[in-house]
Amino acid sequence: MDFSVINTALVGKLLLMLLIGMGPKIALVPFLEKTHAFDTETKVRIGRKMVLTALVTALILFASGAFLMRLLHITGGAVAVAGGIILALIAIKMAAGPTEKPHDELPAPVDPDKLAVFPLAVPYLLNPVGITVIILASGEVVSVASAAMVTGLILLVAAFDYLVFTNIDALAKRMKPATMVVSEVVFGILLTAVAVQLIVSGLGGLGIIAPNIAH
């Protein structure tokens, strides 16, 4: 991403990547599965803490990502490859369809607060795409305006997440199980493609493959 010129194309691309990397879609099914035994008030509390944890983590990554890359001698290409590999593992599981045990065979989590932090906040809500995009953006911003734009988009996506997960019961009543399964499989396939693209782009950035192939 080129942050030297801020335009609608850049904002749109970054917003789309953040919606994939920090939006509600990947976390939605795991949230419903892991919180089904809780009452509405507890679900709202879990959703609120999940979104807040993901937001704070994202902002910390954006503030420190460039420094961490320099400190650990990590290139953007290496970050992209690592993010792509981890995303592929999650996406392939989604594309394979539901394999979880029925609700009545799953024990209720003992601590809702821990559940909200892991695995719901990270790696489901703030997933490998989001982590990768935010770290790369941290190293590529060139001005206060570009940094403010990235921060604003992170806050915007987090606000959308908050709206979804604090009203999850009302939304769940409108979701048909068959539709959810189909959308999960389709999105898993698309995310696998995103993971492959991240890996290819990272390999291009590392000079392992030709840059024109990576793009």
Protein backbone atom coordinates (compact mmCIF):
# COMPACT_ATOMS: atom_id res chain seq x y z
CA MET A 1 0.00 0.00 0.00
CA ASP A 2 1.23 3.45 -0.94
CA PHE A 3 0.37 5.98 1.78
CA SER A 4 2.05 8.91 0.06
CA VAL A 5 -1.27 9.84 -1.57
CA ILE A 6 -4.50 9.36 0.36
CA ASN A 7 -7.41 8.79 -2.01
CA THR A 8 -10.67 6.84 -2.15
CA ALA A 9 -8.97 3.82 -3.71
CA LEU A 10 -6.51 3.55 -0.81
CA VAL A 11 -9.22 4.11 1.81
CA GLY A 12 -11.51 1.56 0.15
CA LYS A 13 -8.78 -1.07 -0.13
CA LEU A 14 -7.67 -0.61 3.46
CA LEU A 15 -11.25 -0.64 4.76
CA LEU A 16 -11.97 -3.88 2.88
CA MET A 17 -8.84 -5.53 4.28
CA LEU A 18 -9.72 -4.41 7.80
CA LEU A 19 -13.28 -5.71 7.44
CA ILE A 20 -11.79 -9.09 6.51
CA GLY A 21 -9.09 -8.87 9.17
CA MET A 22 -11.05 -7.34 12.02
CA GLY A 23 -14.69 -7.50 10.96
CA PRO A 24 -17.35 -9.79 12.46
CA LYS A 25 -17.60 -12.51 9.79
CA ILE A 26 -14.81 -14.87 10.87
CA ALA A 27 -15.65 -14.47 14.58
CA LEU A 28 -19.43 -14.79 14.19
CA VAL A 29 -19.85 -18.58 14.05
CA PRO A 30 -17.23 -19.28 16.78
CA PHE A 31 -18.92 -16.65 18.96
CA LEU A 32 -22.34 -18.30 18.54
CA GLU A 33 -20.89 -21.77 19.17
CA LYS A 34 -18.89 -20.86 22.26
CA THR A 35 -21.48 -18.60 23.93
CA HIS A 36 -24.68 -20.57 23.29
CA ALA A 37 -24.90 -21.64 26.95
CA PHE A 38 -24.79 -18.10 28.32
CA ASP A 39 -27.67 -15.71 28.88
CA THR A 40 -28.10 -12.56 26.79
CA GLU A 41 -26.46 -10.26 29.35
CA THR A 42 -23.35 -12.46 29.53
CA LYS A 43 -23.16 -12.70 25.74
CA VAL A 44 -23.25 -8.89 25.51
CA ARG A 45 -20.49 -8.66 28.13
CA ILE A 46 -18.38 -11.18 26.23
CA GLY A 47 -18.98 -9.33 22.96
CA ARG A 48 -18.09 -5.99 24.50
CA LYS A 49 -14.83 -7.29 26.00
CA MET A 50 -13.96 -9.16 22.81
CA VAL A 51 -14.29 -6.04 20.67
CA LEU A 52 -12.42 -3.86 23.18
CA THR A 53 -9.58 -6.39 23.43
CA ALA A 54 -9.27 -6.65 19.65
CA LEU A 55 -9.36 -2.84 19.29
CA VAL A 56 -6.70 -2.20 21.92
CA THR A 57 -4.50 -4.93 20.45
CA ALA A 58 -4.91 -3.48 16.95
CA LEU A 59 -4.00 0.03 18.11
CA ILE A 60 -0.95 -1.24 20.01
CA LEU A 61 0.18 -3.20 16.95
CA PHE A 62 -0.24 -0.12 14.76
CA ALA A 63 1.70 2.05 17.20
CA SER A 64 4.53 -0.43 17.69
CA GLY A 65 4.53 -2.56 14.53
CA ALA A 66 7.23 -0.66 12.68
CA PHE A 67 9.46 -0.63 15.77
CA LEU A 68 8.97 -4.36 16.35
CA MET A 69 9.84 -5.12 12.72
CA ARG A 70 13.09 -3.15 13.04
CA LEU A 71 13.87 -4.62 16.46
CA LEU A 72 13.39 -8.21 15.31
CA HIS A 73 14.82 -7.58 11.83
CA ILE A 74 11.57 -8.74 10.21
CA THR A 75 10.60 -7.57 6.74
CA GLY A 76 7.11 -6.86 5.46
CA GLY A 77 7.41 -9.88 3.22
CA ALA A 78 8.05 -12.17 6.18
CA VAL A 79 5.04 -10.73 8.03
CA ALA A 80 2.83 -11.31 4.97
CA VAL A 81 3.99 -14.94 4.56
CA ALA A 82 3.47 -15.70 8.27
CA GLY A 83 0.03 -14.09 8.27
CA GLY A 84 -0.93 -15.98 5.13
CA ILE A 85 0.07 -19.36 6.58
CA ILE A 86 -1.90 -18.85 9.80
CA LEU A 87 -4.90 -17.48 7.90
CA ALA A 88 -4.83 -20.52 5.60
CA LEU A 89 -5.15 -22.83 8.60
CA ILE A 90 -8.24 -20.96 9.81
CA ALA A 91 -9.74 -20.59 6.33
CA ILE A 92 -9.34 -24.27 5.42
CA LYS A 93 -11.16 -25.23 8.60
CA MET A 94 -14.00 -22.86 7.64
CA ALA A 95 -14.13 -24.20 4.07
CA ALA A 96 -14.33 -27.78 5.32
CA GLY A 97 -17.70 -27.05 6.92
CA PRO A 98 -18.89 -27.53 10.51
CA THR A 99 -17.14 -30.31 12.41
CA GLU A 100 -17.92 -29.23 15.98
CA LYS A 101 -19.88 -31.45 18.34
CA PRO A 102 -23.55 -30.59 18.93
CA HIS A 103 -24.21 -27.89 21.49
CA ASP A 104 -25.40 -30.28 24.16
CA GLU A 105 -22.08 -32.14 24.04
CA LEU A 106 -19.96 -29.02 24.46
CA PRO A 107 -19.11 -27.96 28.04
CA ALA A 108 -19.88 -24.36 28.89
CA PRO A 109 -16.70 -22.26 29.25
CA VAL A 110 -15.80 -21.64 32.87
CA ASP A 111 -14.61 -18.06 32.47
CA PRO A 112 -16.45 -15.83 29.96
CA ASP A 113 -13.80 -13.10 30.29
CA LYS A 114 -11.00 -15.45 29.25
CA LEU A 115 -13.15 -16.73 26.40
CA ALA A 116 -13.67 -13.16 25.19
CA VAL A 117 -9.92 -12.56 25.02
CA PHE A 118 -8.88 -15.93 23.57
CA PRO A 119 -9.85 -17.28 21.14
CA LEU A 120 -12.65 -14.84 20.30
CA ALA A 121 -10.77 -11.50 20.31
CA VAL A 122 -7.58 -13.03 18.93
CA PRO A 123 -7.32 -14.86 16.54
CA TYR A 124 -10.98 -14.82 15.43
CA LEU A 125 -12.01 -11.15 15.55
CA LEU A 126 -8.54 -9.68 15.06
CA ASN A 127 -7.37 -12.43 12.73
CA PRO A 128 -4.09 -12.94 10.80
CA VAL A 129 -5.23 -10.67 7.93
CA GLY A 130 -5.90 -7.80 10.33
CA ILE A 131 -2.66 -8.32 12.23
CA THR A 132 -0.67 -8.46 8.99
CA VAL A 133 -2.33 -5.40 7.44
CA ILE A 134 -1.94 -3.33 10.61
CA ILE A 135 1.73 -4.21 11.09
CA LEU A 136 2.51 -3.50 7.43
CA ALA A 137 0.59 -0.21 7.60
CA SER A 138 2.56 0.74 10.70
CA GLY A 139 5.78 0.44 8.73
CA GLU A 140 4.47 2.24 5.64
CA VAL A 141 2.61 5.32 6.93
CA VAL A 142 4.45 8.46 5.93
CA SER A 143 2.51 11.27 7.60
CA VAL A 144 0.24 12.19 10.47
CA ALA A 145 -2.68 12.24 8.03
CA SER A 146 -2.03 8.67 6.86
CA ALA A 147 -1.62 7.47 10.46
CA ALA A 148 -4.89 9.21 11.40
CA MET A 149 -6.64 7.56 8.44
CA VAL A 150 -5.54 4.06 9.49
CA THR A 151 -6.51 4.73 13.10
CA GLY A 152 -9.90 6.09 12.04
CA LEU A 153 -10.63 3.02 9.91
CA ILE A 154 -9.65 0.69 12.76
CA LEU A 155 -12.06 2.56 15.06
CA LEU A 156 -14.79 2.45 12.41
CA VAL A 157 -14.52 -1.33 11.99
CA ALA A 158 -14.42 -1.79 15.78
CA ALA A 159 -17.62 0.27 16.10
CA PHE A 160 -19.29 -2.00 13.55
CA ASP A 161 -18.10 -5.07 15.49
CA TYR A 162 -19.49 -3.58 18.70
CA LEU A 163 -22.87 -3.04 17.07
CA VAL A 164 -22.98 -6.64 15.84
CA PHE A 165 -21.78 -8.48 18.94
CA THR A 166 -23.76 -6.47 21.49
CA ASN A 167 -26.93 -7.28 19.55
CA ILE A 168 -26.02 -10.86 18.73
CA ASP A 169 -29.23 -12.50 19.99
CA ALA A 170 -31.42 -10.28 17.84
CA LEU A 171 -29.22 -11.00 14.82
CA ALA A 172 -29.04 -14.74 15.52
CA LYS A 173 -32.83 -15.02 15.33
CA ARG A 174 -32.65 -13.78 11.73
CA MET A 175 -29.90 -16.19 10.72
CA LYS A 176 -30.88 -19.49 9.13
CA PRO A 177 -28.50 -22.35 10.05
CA ALA A 178 -28.27 -23.60 6.47
CA THR A 179 -27.43 -20.12 5.21
CA MET A 180 -24.76 -19.74 7.88
CA VAL A 181 -23.13 -23.05 6.92
CA VAL A 182 -23.08 -22.18 3.22
CA SER A 183 -21.73 -18.68 3.82
CA GLU A 184 -19.07 -20.10 6.14
CA VAL A 185 -17.84 -22.53 3.48
CA VAL A 186 -17.87 -19.89 0.72
CA PHE A 187 -16.10 -17.34 2.89
CA GLY A 188 -13.57 -19.99 3.92
CA ILE A 189 -12.71 -20.59 0.27
CA LEU A 190 -12.36 -16.86 -0.37
CA LEU A 191 -10.18 -16.46 2.71
CA THR A 192 -7.98 -19.32 1.54
CA ALA A 193 -7.45 -17.36 -1.67
CA VAL A 194 -6.59 -14.25 0.39
CA ALA A 195 -4.12 -16.37 2.39
CA VAL A 196 -2.47 -17.60 -0.80
CA GLN A 197 -2.24 -14.03 -2.09
CA LEU A 198 -0.64 -12.89 1.18
CA ILE A 199 1.94 -15.65 0.91
CA VAL A 200 2.66 -14.90 -2.76
CA SER A 201 2.96 -11.16 -2.06
CA GLY A 202 5.25 -11.88 0.87
CA LEU A 203 7.46 -14.14 -1.24
CA GLY A 204 7.60 -11.38 -3.84
CA GLY A 205 8.60 -8.88 -1.17
CA LEU A 206 11.34 -11.22 -0.01
CA GLY A 207 12.61 -11.58 -3.57
CA ILE A 208 11.97 -15.32 -3.65
CA ILE A 209 9.64 -14.96 -6.63
CA ALA A 210 9.41 -12.24 -9.26
CA PRO A 211 7.56 -9.12 -8.03
CA ASN A 212 5.33 -9.05 -11.13
CA ILE A 213 4.09 -12.58 -10.27
CA ALA A 214 3.39 -11.52 -6.66
CA HIS A 215 1.05 -8.75 -7.84
